[in-house]
Amino acid sequence: ISILLVEYPDKLPTAFLSCIALGMLGCLKLSQTQPSPWKRCSSIFHFLFILIFNTSSYGPRQIEPNEFSQKAEEEHKMFWDKYIHIQDTKEKIYVEILNEEMDRFLTRDCGIESETKKNIKEEMKN
């Protein structure tokens, strides 16, 4: 697509809008894979039929009580477990980098050792 835009720069608005439409279709497909029927959205065929025929046979359907609730709950729990794991890992990496920076700062010898530097060294040992 980049070669096309270099050769024909007047196609830039069309390419831009096409990329937006492709992104929206991707988000629609992603939201249709939700196990919970409350989080699912209508299919592209539903919108297409409404656009063409002003009516759709893919209309809303009845949702039974607790339909797919177990699977939705499992996916929700799995999402939050992954999220917490990522946050913990990020925090560990941050602390590790911070400790490396402090060690490098404290081991740097500039000939003068201040009271603050001594206090920091003592706190790091404890």
C-alpha atoms as a PDB file:
ATOM      1  CA  ILE A   1       0.000   0.000   0.000  1.00  0.00           C
ATOM      2  CA  SER A   2       2.934   2.364   0.647  1.00  0.00           C
ATOM      3  CA  ILE A   3       4.187   2.015  -2.938  1.00  0.00           C
ATOM      4  CA  LEU A   4       0.688   2.819  -4.174  1.00  0.00           C
ATOM      5  CA  LEU A   5       0.589   5.955  -2.024  1.00  0.00           C
ATOM      6  CA  VAL A   6       4.027   7.078  -3.238  1.00  0.00           C
ATOM      7  CA  GLU A   7       3.003   6.607  -6.852  1.00  0.00           C
ATOM      8  CA  TYR A   8      -0.478   8.116  -6.411  1.00  0.00           C
ATOM      9  CA  PRO A   9      -0.529  10.510  -3.432  1.00  0.00           C
ATOM     10  CA  ASP A  10      -4.094  11.551  -4.287  1.00  0.00           C
ATOM     11  CA  LYS A  11      -5.210   8.105  -2.993  1.00  0.00           C
ATOM     12  CA  LEU A  12      -4.132   8.989   0.578  1.00  0.00           C
ATOM     13  CA  PRO A  13      -7.647   9.865   1.869  1.00  0.00           C
ATOM     14  CA  THR A  14      -9.017   6.610   0.426  1.00  0.00           C
ATOM     15  CA  ALA A  15      -6.215   4.563   2.003  1.00  0.00           C
ATOM     16  CA  PHE A  16      -6.670   6.340   5.324  1.00  0.00           C
ATOM     17  CA  LEU A  17     -10.402   5.682   5.437  1.00  0.00           C
ATOM     18  CA  SER A  18      -9.850   2.082   4.329  1.00  0.00           C
ATOM     19  CA  CYS A  19      -7.431   1.546   7.217  1.00  0.00           C
ATOM     20  CA  ILE A  20      -9.987   2.978   9.654  1.00  0.00           C
ATOM     21  CA  ALA A  21     -12.690   0.678   8.240  1.00  0.00           C
ATOM     22  CA  LEU A  22     -10.352  -2.319   8.509  1.00  0.00           C
ATOM     23  CA  GLY A  23      -9.589  -1.449  12.129  1.00  0.00           C
ATOM     24  CA  MET A  24     -13.286  -1.138  12.921  1.00  0.00           C
ATOM     25  CA  LEU A  25     -13.990  -4.533  11.327  1.00  0.00           C
ATOM     26  CA  GLY A  26     -11.190  -6.035  13.409  1.00  0.00           C
ATOM     27  CA  CYS A  27     -12.682  -4.597  16.604  1.00  0.00           C
ATOM     28  CA  LEU A  28     -16.110  -5.905  15.592  1.00  0.00           C
ATOM     29  CA  LYS A  29     -14.705  -9.395  15.046  1.00  0.00           C
ATOM     30  CA  LEU A  30     -12.908  -9.247  18.390  1.00  0.00           C
ATOM     31  CA  SER A  31     -16.049  -8.214  20.262  1.00  0.00           C
ATOM     32  CA  GLN A  32     -18.055 -11.009  18.613  1.00  0.00           C
ATOM     33  CA  THR A  33     -15.755 -13.612  20.161  1.00  0.00           C
ATOM     34  CA  GLN A  34     -16.813 -12.610  23.678  1.00  0.00           C
ATOM     35  CA  PRO A  35     -18.429 -15.560  25.485  1.00  0.00           C
ATOM     36  CA  SER A  36     -20.910 -13.318  27.288  1.00  0.00           C
ATOM     37  CA  PRO A  37     -23.910 -12.496  25.069  1.00  0.00           C
ATOM     38  CA  TRP A  38     -24.192  -9.123  26.816  1.00  0.00           C
ATOM     39  CA  LYS A  39     -20.755  -8.070  25.588  1.00  0.00           C
ATOM     40  CA  ARG A  40     -21.245  -9.381  22.055  1.00  0.00           C
ATOM     41  CA  CYS A  41     -22.320  -7.005  19.315  1.00  0.00           C
ATOM     42  CA  SER A  42     -24.267  -7.550  16.125  1.00  0.00           C
ATOM     43  CA  SER A  43     -22.559  -9.180  13.173  1.00  0.00           C
ATOM     44  CA  ILE A  44     -21.372  -7.375  10.065  1.00  0.00           C
ATOM     45  CA  PHE A  45     -24.121  -9.161   8.118  1.00  0.00           C
ATOM     46  CA  HIS A  46     -26.738  -7.562  10.364  1.00  0.00           C
ATOM     47  CA  PHE A  47     -25.412  -4.094   9.562  1.00  0.00           C
ATOM     48  CA  LEU A  48     -24.971  -4.955   5.882  1.00  0.00           C
ATOM     49  CA  PHE A  49     -28.565  -6.185   5.534  1.00  0.00           C
ATOM     50  CA  ILE A  50     -29.869  -3.058   7.247  1.00  0.00           C
ATOM     51  CA  LEU A  51     -27.783  -0.907   4.922  1.00  0.00           C
ATOM     52  CA  ILE A  52     -28.988  -2.690   1.780  1.00  0.00           C
ATOM     53  CA  PHE A  53     -32.541  -3.853   2.589  1.00  0.00           C
ATOM     54  CA  ASN A  54     -33.439  -1.565   5.529  1.00  0.00           C
ATOM     55  CA  THR A  55     -34.256  -4.696   7.561  1.00  0.00           C
ATOM     56  CA  SER A  56     -32.329  -7.667   8.886  1.00  0.00           C
ATOM     57  CA  SER A  57     -33.053 -11.285   9.718  1.00  0.00           C
ATOM     58  CA  TYR A  58     -29.931 -11.223  11.920  1.00  0.00           C
ATOM     59  CA  GLY A  59     -31.726  -9.110  14.500  1.00  0.00           C
ATOM     60  CA  PRO A  60     -31.402  -9.305  18.259  1.00  0.00           C
ATOM     61  CA  ARG A  61     -31.999 -12.668  19.857  1.00  0.00           C
ATOM     62  CA  GLN A  62     -33.333 -13.662  23.240  1.00  0.00           C
ATOM     63  CA  ILE A  63     -30.705 -14.250  25.879  1.00  0.00           C
ATOM     64  CA  GLU A  64     -31.497 -16.979  28.353  1.00  0.00           C
ATOM     65  CA  PRO A  65     -30.793 -16.359  32.037  1.00  0.00           C
ATOM     66  CA  ASN A  66     -27.183 -17.215  32.900  1.00  0.00           C
ATOM     67  CA  GLU A  67     -26.432 -18.157  29.294  1.00  0.00           C
ATOM     68  CA  PHE A  68     -22.675 -18.805  28.955  1.00  0.00           C
ATOM     69  CA  SER A  69     -22.177 -17.199  32.367  1.00  0.00           C
ATOM     70  CA  GLN A  70     -19.705 -19.855  33.516  1.00  0.00           C
ATOM     71  CA  LYS A  71     -17.483 -19.443  30.450  1.00  0.00           C
ATOM     72  CA  ALA A  72     -17.704 -15.648  30.636  1.00  0.00           C
ATOM     73  CA  GLU A  73     -16.759 -15.717  34.315  1.00  0.00           C
ATOM     74  CA  GLU A  74     -13.767 -17.962  33.586  1.00  0.00           C
ATOM     75  CA  GLU A  75     -12.574 -15.668  30.808  1.00  0.00           C
ATOM     76  CA  HIS A  76     -13.033 -12.609  33.014  1.00  0.00           C
ATOM     77  CA  LYS A  77     -11.008 -14.253  35.805  1.00  0.00           C
ATOM     78  CA  MET A  78      -8.318 -15.349  33.332  1.00  0.00           C
ATOM     79  CA  PHE A  79      -8.063 -11.768  31.996  1.00  0.00           C
ATOM     80  CA  TRP A  80      -7.578 -10.300  35.470  1.00  0.00           C
ATOM     81  CA  ASP A  81      -5.076 -13.004  36.437  1.00  0.00           C
ATOM     82  CA  LYS A  82      -3.021 -12.144  33.334  1.00  0.00           C
ATOM     83  CA  TYR A  83      -3.343  -8.430  34.072  1.00  0.00           C
ATOM     84  CA  ILE A  84      -2.169  -8.839  37.683  1.00  0.00           C
ATOM     85  CA  HIS A  85       0.714 -11.081  36.560  1.00  0.00           C
ATOM     86  CA  ILE A  86       1.822  -8.461  34.010  1.00  0.00           C
ATOM     87  CA  GLN A  87       1.638  -5.686  36.597  1.00  0.00           C
ATOM     88  CA  ASP A  88       3.646  -7.730  39.122  1.00  0.00           C
ATOM     89  CA  THR A  89       6.264  -8.552  36.497  1.00  0.00           C
ATOM     90  CA  LYS A  90       6.472  -4.905  35.490  1.00  0.00           C
ATOM     91  CA  GLU A  91       6.933  -3.882  39.121  1.00  0.00           C
ATOM     92  CA  LYS A  92       9.687  -6.490  39.658  1.00  0.00           C
ATOM     93  CA  ILE A  93      11.544  -5.319  36.552  1.00  0.00           C
ATOM     94  CA  TYR A  94      11.216  -1.687  37.661  1.00  0.00           C
ATOM     95  CA  VAL A  95      12.578  -2.473  41.138  1.00  0.00           C
ATOM     96  CA  GLU A  96      15.434  -4.506  39.637  1.00  0.00           C
ATOM     97  CA  ILE A  97      16.415  -1.676  37.294  1.00  0.00           C
ATOM     98  CA  LEU A  98      16.141   0.847  40.121  1.00  0.00           C
ATOM     99  CA  ASN A  99      18.367  -1.279  42.372  1.00  0.00           C
ATOM    100  CA  GLU A 100      20.947  -1.644  39.586  1.00  0.00           C
ATOM    101  CA  GLU A 101      20.967   2.119  39.089  1.00  0.00           C
ATOM    102  CA  MET A 102      21.347   2.714  42.829  1.00  0.00           C
ATOM    103  CA  ASP A 103      24.190   0.184  43.040  1.00  0.00           C
ATOM    104  CA  ARG A 104      25.934   1.805  40.099  1.00  0.00           C
ATOM    105  CA  PHE A 105      25.436   5.240  41.673  1.00  0.00           C
ATOM    106  CA  LEU A 106      26.694   4.146  45.079  1.00  0.00           C
ATOM    107  CA  THR A 107      29.717   2.256  43.761  1.00  0.00           C
ATOM    108  CA  ARG A 108      30.827   5.198  41.666  1.00  0.00           C
ATOM    109  CA  ASP A 109      33.889   6.668  43.321  1.00  0.00           C
ATOM    110  CA  CYS A 110      34.223  10.400  43.023  1.00  0.00           C
ATOM    111  CA  GLY A 111      36.653  10.826  45.929  1.00  0.00           C
ATOM    112  CA  ILE A 112      34.142  12.408  48.317  1.00  0.00           C
ATOM    113  CA  GLU A 113      31.676  10.436  50.398  1.00  0.00           C
ATOM    114  CA  SER A 114      28.845  12.482  51.827  1.00  0.00           C
ATOM    115  CA  GLU A 115      26.688  11.739  54.838  1.00  0.00           C
ATOM    116  CA  THR A 116      23.713  11.077  52.550  1.00  0.00           C
ATOM    117  CA  LYS A 117      25.682   8.488  50.602  1.00  0.00           C
ATOM    118  CA  LYS A 118      26.714   6.791  53.835  1.00  0.00           C
ATOM    119  CA  ASN A 119      23.110   6.721  55.051  1.00  0.00           C
ATOM    120  CA  ILE A 120      21.898   5.240  51.774  1.00  0.00           C
ATOM    121  CA  LYS A 121      24.567   2.532  51.921  1.00  0.00           C
ATOM    122  CA  GLU A 122      23.564   1.646  55.475  1.00  0.00           C
ATOM    123  CA  GLU A 123      19.877   1.461  54.515  1.00  0.00           C
ATOM    124  CA  MET A 124      20.670  -0.749  51.522  1.00  0.00           C
ATOM    125  CA  LYS A 125      22.614  -3.155  53.774  1.00  0.00           C
ATOM    126  CA  ASN A 126      19.696  -3.419  56.200  1.00  0.00           C
END
